[in-house]
C-alpha atoms as a PDB file:
ATOM      1  CA  UNK A   1      40.514 -19.151  64.769  1.00  0.00           C
ATOM      2  CA  UNK A   2      39.555 -17.731  68.549  1.00  0.00           C
ATOM      3  CA  UNK A   3      35.741 -17.182  68.450  1.00  0.00           C
ATOM      4  CA  UNK A   4      33.894 -13.907  69.799  1.00  0.00           C
ATOM      5  CA  UNK A   5      32.111 -14.908  73.017  1.00  0.00           C
ATOM      6  CA  UNK A   6      28.982 -13.498  73.924  1.00  0.00           C
ATOM      7  CA  UNK A   7      27.167 -13.895  77.600  1.00  0.00           C
ATOM      8  CA  UNK A   8      23.265 -13.155  77.318  1.00  0.00           C
ATOM      9  CA  UNK A   9      21.034 -13.561  79.975  1.00  0.00           C
ATOM     10  CA  UNK A  10      17.069 -14.005  78.434  1.00  0.00           C
ATOM     11  CA  UNK A  11      13.892 -14.003  80.574  1.00  0.00           C
ATOM     12  CA  UNK A  12      11.077 -16.041  79.255  1.00  0.00           C
ATOM     13  CA  UNK A  13       7.896 -13.823  80.093  1.00  0.00           C
ATOM     14  CA  UNK A  14       4.047 -15.324  80.159  1.00  0.00           C
ATOM     15  CA  UNK A  15       1.102 -16.509  82.525  1.00  0.00           C
ATOM     16  CA  UNK A  16       1.366 -18.976  84.065  1.00  0.00           C
ATOM     17  CA  UNK A  17       0.887 -22.578  82.435  1.00  0.00           C
ATOM     18  CA  UNK A  18       1.579 -21.217  78.961  1.00  0.00           C
ATOM     19  CA  UNK A  19       4.601 -23.119  78.416  1.00  0.00           C
ATOM     20  CA  UNK A  20       7.902 -21.090  79.314  1.00  0.00           C
ATOM     21  CA  UNK A  21       9.452 -24.258  81.184  1.00  0.00           C
ATOM     22  CA  UNK A  22       8.365 -26.623  78.355  1.00  0.00           C
ATOM     23  CA  UNK A  23      10.190 -24.313  75.899  1.00  0.00           C
ATOM     24  CA  UNK A  24      13.255 -23.914  77.610  1.00  0.00           C
ATOM     25  CA  UNK A  25      13.664 -27.741  78.499  1.00  0.00           C
ATOM     26  CA  UNK A  26      12.812 -28.474  74.949  1.00  0.00           C
ATOM     27  CA  UNK A  27      15.338 -26.352  73.831  1.00  0.00           C
ATOM     28  CA  UNK A  28      17.844 -27.473  76.599  1.00  0.00           C
ATOM     29  CA  UNK A  29      17.261 -30.925  76.944  1.00  0.00           C
ATOM     30  CA  UNK A  30      15.370 -32.017  73.722  1.00  0.00           C
ATOM     31  CA  UNK A  31      12.854 -33.466  76.096  1.00  0.00           C
ATOM     32  CA  UNK A  32       8.913 -32.892  76.834  1.00  0.00           C
ATOM     33  CA  UNK A  33       6.790 -33.511  80.598  1.00  0.00           C
ATOM     34  CA  UNK A  34       3.083 -33.902  80.319  1.00  0.00           C
ATOM     35  CA  UNK A  35       2.998 -33.090  83.913  1.00  0.00           C
ATOM     36  CA  UNK A  36       2.492 -29.548  84.627  1.00  0.00           C
ATOM     37  CA  UNK A  37       4.323 -27.973  87.660  1.00  0.00           C
ATOM     38  CA  UNK A  38       4.592 -24.130  88.453  1.00  0.00           C
ATOM     39  CA  UNK A  39       7.702 -22.295  88.289  1.00  0.00           C
ATOM     40  CA  UNK A  40       8.462 -20.894  92.136  1.00  0.00           C
ATOM     41  CA  UNK A  41       9.938 -17.339  91.444  1.00  0.00           C
ATOM     42  CA  UNK A  42      12.190 -18.352  88.834  1.00  0.00           C
ATOM     43  CA  UNK A  43      14.333 -20.932  87.178  1.00  0.00           C
ATOM     44  CA  UNK A  44      17.155 -20.458  84.916  1.00  0.00           C
ATOM     45  CA  UNK A  45      19.027 -22.724  82.354  1.00  0.00           C
ATOM     46  CA  UNK A  46      22.131 -22.602  80.405  1.00  0.00           C
ATOM     47  CA  UNK A  47      22.539 -23.293  76.543  1.00  0.00           C
ATOM     48  CA  UNK A  48      26.015 -22.800  74.593  1.00  0.00           C
ATOM     49  CA  UNK A  49      26.036 -22.618  70.841  1.00  0.00           C
ATOM     50  CA  UNK A  50      27.820 -21.518  68.219  1.00  0.00           C
ATOM     51  CA  UNK A  51      25.801 -18.419  66.448  1.00  0.00           C
ATOM     52  CA  UNK A  52      28.048 -18.276  63.634  1.00  0.00           C
ATOM     53  CA  UNK A  53      31.085 -19.638  62.355  1.00  0.00           C
ATOM     54  CA  UNK A  54      33.400 -16.841  64.621  1.00  0.00           C
ATOM     55  CA  UNK A  55      30.629 -16.171  67.241  1.00  0.00           C
ATOM     56  CA  UNK A  56      30.145 -18.642  70.490  1.00  0.00           C
ATOM     57  CA  UNK A  57      27.189 -17.765  72.753  1.00  0.00           C
ATOM     58  CA  UNK A  58      26.381 -18.841  75.902  1.00  0.00           C
ATOM     59  CA  UNK A  59      22.534 -18.304  76.851  1.00  0.00           C
ATOM     60  CA  UNK A  60      21.431 -17.960  80.325  1.00  0.00           C
ATOM     61  CA  UNK A  61      17.273 -18.580  79.907  1.00  0.00           C
ATOM     62  CA  UNK A  62      15.807 -17.278  83.013  1.00  0.00           C
ATOM     63  CA  UNK A  63      12.050 -18.740  83.105  1.00  0.00           C
ATOM     64  CA  UNK A  64       9.868 -16.098  85.407  1.00  0.00           C
ATOM     65  CA  UNK A  65       6.953 -17.810  87.136  1.00  0.00           C
ATOM     66  CA  UNK A  66       3.693 -16.425  85.354  1.00  0.00           C
ATOM     67  CA  UNK A  67       1.663 -16.730  88.756  1.00  0.00           C
ATOM     68  CA  UNK A  68       0.350 -13.641  90.273  1.00  0.00           C
ATOM     69  CA  UNK A  69       1.356 -14.337  93.458  1.00  0.00           C
ATOM     70  CA  UNK A  70       5.022 -13.623  92.074  1.00  0.00           C
ATOM     71  CA  UNK A  71       4.536 -10.427  90.579  1.00  0.00           C
ATOM     72  CA  UNK A  72       6.464  -8.421  93.405  1.00  0.00           C
ATOM     73  CA  UNK A  73       9.348  -9.941  93.138  1.00  0.00           C
ATOM     74  CA  UNK A  74       9.697 -10.554  89.080  1.00  0.00           C
ATOM     75  CA  UNK A  75      11.540  -7.453  88.529  1.00  0.00           C
ATOM     76  CA  UNK A  76      14.329  -8.741  90.171  1.00  0.00           C
ATOM     77  CA  UNK A  77      14.692 -11.250  87.966  1.00  0.00           C
ATOM     78  CA  UNK A  78      14.826  -9.054  84.752  1.00  0.00           C
ATOM     79  CA  UNK A  79      17.842  -7.325  86.171  1.00  0.00           C
ATOM     80  CA  UNK A  80      20.743  -7.339  83.596  1.00  0.00           C
ATOM     81  CA  UNK A  81      18.739  -9.001  81.066  1.00  0.00           C
ATOM     82  CA  UNK A  82      19.283  -8.557  77.453  1.00  0.00           C
ATOM     83  CA  UNK A  83      16.764  -9.637  75.785  1.00  0.00           C
ATOM     84  CA  UNK A  84      12.900 -11.743  76.211  1.00  0.00           C
ATOM     85  CA  UNK A  85      10.436 -14.252  74.638  1.00  0.00           C
ATOM     86  CA  UNK A  86       7.079 -12.808  75.555  1.00  0.00           C
ATOM     87  CA  UNK A  87       5.178 -16.407  75.521  1.00  0.00           C
ATOM     88  CA  UNK A  88       1.324 -17.019  75.143  1.00  0.00           C
ATOM     89  CA  UNK A  89      -0.839 -20.345  74.917  1.00  0.00           C
ATOM     90  CA  UNK A  90      -2.435 -20.183  71.511  1.00  0.00           C
ATOM     91  CA  UNK A  91      -5.497 -21.906  73.280  1.00  0.00           C
ATOM     92  CA  UNK A  92      -6.225 -19.668  75.784  1.00  0.00           C
ATOM     93  CA  UNK A  93      -7.312 -16.084  75.138  1.00  0.00           C
ATOM     94  CA  UNK A  94      -6.168 -14.571  78.759  1.00  0.00           C
ATOM     95  CA  UNK A  95      -2.769 -15.035  78.376  1.00  0.00           C
ATOM     96  CA  UNK A  96      -2.636 -13.448  74.670  1.00  0.00           C
ATOM     97  CA  UNK A  97      -4.286 -10.620  76.765  1.00  0.00           C
ATOM     98  CA  UNK A  98      -1.706 -10.184  79.127  1.00  0.00           C
ATOM     99  CA  UNK A  99       1.117 -10.016  77.244  1.00  0.00           C
ATOM    100  CA  UNK A 100       0.623  -5.730  76.511  1.00  0.00           C
ATOM    101  CA  UNK A 101       0.806  -5.784  80.459  1.00  0.00           C
ATOM    102  CA  UNK A 102       4.510  -8.257  80.257  1.00  0.00           C
ATOM    103  CA  UNK A 103       5.900  -6.118  78.108  1.00  0.00           C
ATOM    104  CA  UNK A 104       5.055  -2.881  79.952  1.00  0.00           C
ATOM    105  CA  UNK A 105       5.994  -4.585  83.379  1.00  0.00           C
ATOM    106  CA  UNK A 106       9.633  -5.307  81.524  1.00  0.00           C
ATOM    107  CA  UNK A 107       9.908  -1.901  80.008  1.00  0.00           C
ATOM    108  CA  UNK A 108       9.320  -0.429  83.352  1.00  0.00           C
ATOM    109  CA  UNK A 109      12.435  -2.410  84.306  1.00  0.00           C
ATOM    110  CA  UNK A 110      14.922  -1.912  81.715  1.00  0.00           C
ATOM    111  CA  UNK A 111      13.689   0.662  79.081  1.00  0.00           C
ATOM    112  CA  UNK A 112      12.724  -0.044  75.674  1.00  0.00           C
ATOM    113  CA  UNK A 113      15.766  -0.978  74.129  1.00  0.00           C
ATOM    114  CA  UNK A 114      15.988  -4.648  74.285  1.00  0.00           C
ATOM    115  CA  UNK A 115      15.211  -7.503  71.450  1.00  0.00           C
ATOM    116  CA  UNK A 116      12.293  -9.407  71.882  1.00  0.00           C
ATOM    117  CA  UNK A 117       9.778 -11.984  70.177  1.00  0.00           C
ATOM    118  CA  UNK A 118       6.598 -12.805  70.477  1.00  0.00           C
ATOM    119  CA  UNK A 119       5.732 -16.899  70.770  1.00  0.00           C
ATOM    120  CA  UNK A 120       2.536 -18.161  70.152  1.00  0.00           C
ATOM    121  CA  UNK A 121       2.938 -21.917  71.978  1.00  0.00           C
ATOM    122  CA  UNK A 122       1.061 -25.095  71.840  1.00  0.00           C
ATOM    123  CA  UNK A 123       0.253 -24.864  68.138  1.00  0.00           C
ATOM    124  CA  UNK A 124       0.033 -28.394  68.518  1.00  0.00           C
ATOM    125  CA  UNK A 125      -3.119 -28.212  70.189  1.00  0.00           C
ATOM    126  CA  UNK A 126      -4.750 -26.825  66.893  1.00  0.00           C
ATOM    127  CA  UNK A 127      -8.405 -28.313  67.394  1.00  0.00           C
ATOM    128  CA  UNK A 128      -8.544 -26.010  70.447  1.00  0.00           C
ATOM    129  CA  UNK A 129      -6.944 -22.990  68.783  1.00  0.00           C
ATOM    130  CA  UNK A 130      -8.486 -19.980  70.119  1.00  0.00           C
ATOM    131  CA  UNK A 131      -5.808 -17.236  68.624  1.00  0.00           C
ATOM    132  CA  UNK A 132      -5.359 -16.662  65.302  1.00  0.00           C
ATOM    133  CA  UNK A 133      -1.986 -16.718  63.235  1.00  0.00           C
ATOM    134  CA  UNK A 134      -3.039 -13.044  61.948  1.00  0.00           C
ATOM    135  CA  UNK A 135      -3.892 -12.036  65.306  1.00  0.00           C
ATOM    136  CA  UNK A 136      -0.718 -13.027  66.863  1.00  0.00           C
ATOM    137  CA  UNK A 137       0.991 -11.038  63.929  1.00  0.00           C
ATOM    138  CA  UNK A 138      -0.832  -8.581  64.345  1.00  0.00           C
ATOM    139  CA  UNK A 139      -0.009  -8.181  68.145  1.00  0.00           C
ATOM    140  CA  UNK A 140       3.868  -8.697  67.181  1.00  0.00           C
ATOM    141  CA  UNK A 141       3.416  -5.644  64.970  1.00  0.00           C
ATOM    142  CA  UNK A 142       1.818  -4.040  67.277  1.00  0.00           C
ATOM    143  CA  UNK A 143       4.330  -4.449  70.037  1.00  0.00           C
ATOM    144  CA  UNK A 144       7.590  -3.831  67.243  1.00  0.00           C
ATOM    145  CA  UNK A 145       8.798  -7.385  67.586  1.00  0.00           C
ATOM    146  CA  UNK A 146       9.120 -10.783  65.587  1.00  0.00           C
ATOM    147  CA  UNK A 147       6.436 -13.763  66.035  1.00  0.00           C
ATOM    148  CA  UNK A 148       7.079 -17.574  66.181  1.00  0.00           C
ATOM    149  CA  UNK A 149       4.470 -20.258  66.259  1.00  0.00           C
ATOM    150  CA  UNK A 150       5.688 -23.051  68.425  1.00  0.00           C
ATOM    151  CA  UNK A 151       5.100 -26.727  70.509  1.00  0.00           C
ATOM    152  CA  UNK A 152       7.289 -27.047  73.375  1.00  0.00           C
ATOM    153  CA  UNK A 153       5.633 -30.667  72.922  1.00  0.00           C
ATOM    154  CA  UNK A 154       7.067 -31.828  68.866  1.00  0.00           C
ATOM    155  CA  UNK A 155       9.847 -28.895  69.402  1.00  0.00           C
ATOM    156  CA  UNK A 156       8.292 -27.283  66.244  1.00  0.00           C
ATOM    157  CA  UNK A 157       9.611 -23.899  65.918  1.00  0.00           C
ATOM    158  CA  UNK A 158      11.373 -23.540  69.511  1.00  0.00           C
ATOM    159  CA  UNK A 159      14.807 -23.685  67.914  1.00  0.00           C
ATOM    160  CA  UNK A 160      13.794 -21.062  65.214  1.00  0.00           C
ATOM    161  CA  UNK A 161      12.304 -18.487  67.766  1.00  0.00           C
ATOM    162  CA  UNK A 162      15.840 -18.749  69.997  1.00  0.00           C
ATOM    163  CA  UNK A 163      18.116 -18.835  67.123  1.00  0.00           C
ATOM    164  CA  UNK A 164      16.530 -15.344  65.735  1.00  0.00           C
ATOM    165  CA  UNK A 165      16.366 -13.824  68.957  1.00  0.00           C
ATOM    166  CA  UNK A 166      20.072 -14.721  69.457  1.00  0.00           C
ATOM    167  CA  UNK A 167      20.707 -13.185  66.160  1.00  0.00           C
ATOM    168  CA  UNK A 168      18.869 -10.238  66.958  1.00  0.00           C
ATOM    169  CA  UNK A 169      21.339  -9.867  69.791  1.00  0.00           C
ATOM    170  CA  UNK A 170      23.993 -10.317  67.836  1.00  0.00           C
ATOM    171  CA  UNK A 171      22.852  -7.789  65.522  1.00  0.00           C
ATOM    172  CA  UNK A 172      22.892  -5.230  68.293  1.00  0.00           C
ATOM    173  CA  UNK A 173      25.853  -6.304  69.684  1.00  0.00           C
ATOM    174  CA  UNK A 174      27.920  -5.748  66.902  1.00  0.00           C
ATOM    175  CA  UNK A 175      25.920  -2.200  66.052  1.00  0.00           C
ATOM    176  CA  UNK A 176      26.915  -1.046  69.973  1.00  0.00           C
ATOM    177  CA  UNK A 177      30.602  -2.283  69.362  1.00  0.00           C
END
């Protein structure tokens, strides 16, 4: 049986040091590096998977730099994106507060019609947690997107977040065909 093939660009957005690169690295390579190295501009990774028994997906994961100094060039990396993951660090309230700004920035470039999810990362640092699960769900509800809690260090929740975003994309693709 021939599988349907989709190629999707997913942008991963959020402030610097929230763990975007670590999430992508865990998802694509199953590794974690404790050393923090800021992303310069953007970097991308590719992951292929069988989404359903008859659907193969090739994901182009664009990890967009979160530092303010890169804000002027971000929009060019958003072009032709199919979906987004908005990531914040559960130990850093400012990263949570800036999620609205990240979404507004993406909406300015792509419009409102794109699948997205809110990711609360670094849940392995529970003793330092500053943003509760309830606050995360409330933010996701207000932004009209699903909510996932992850740890790029342990891998907890990472596959679920990416898989469920892919399923949202698949549903949107099927509805538009």
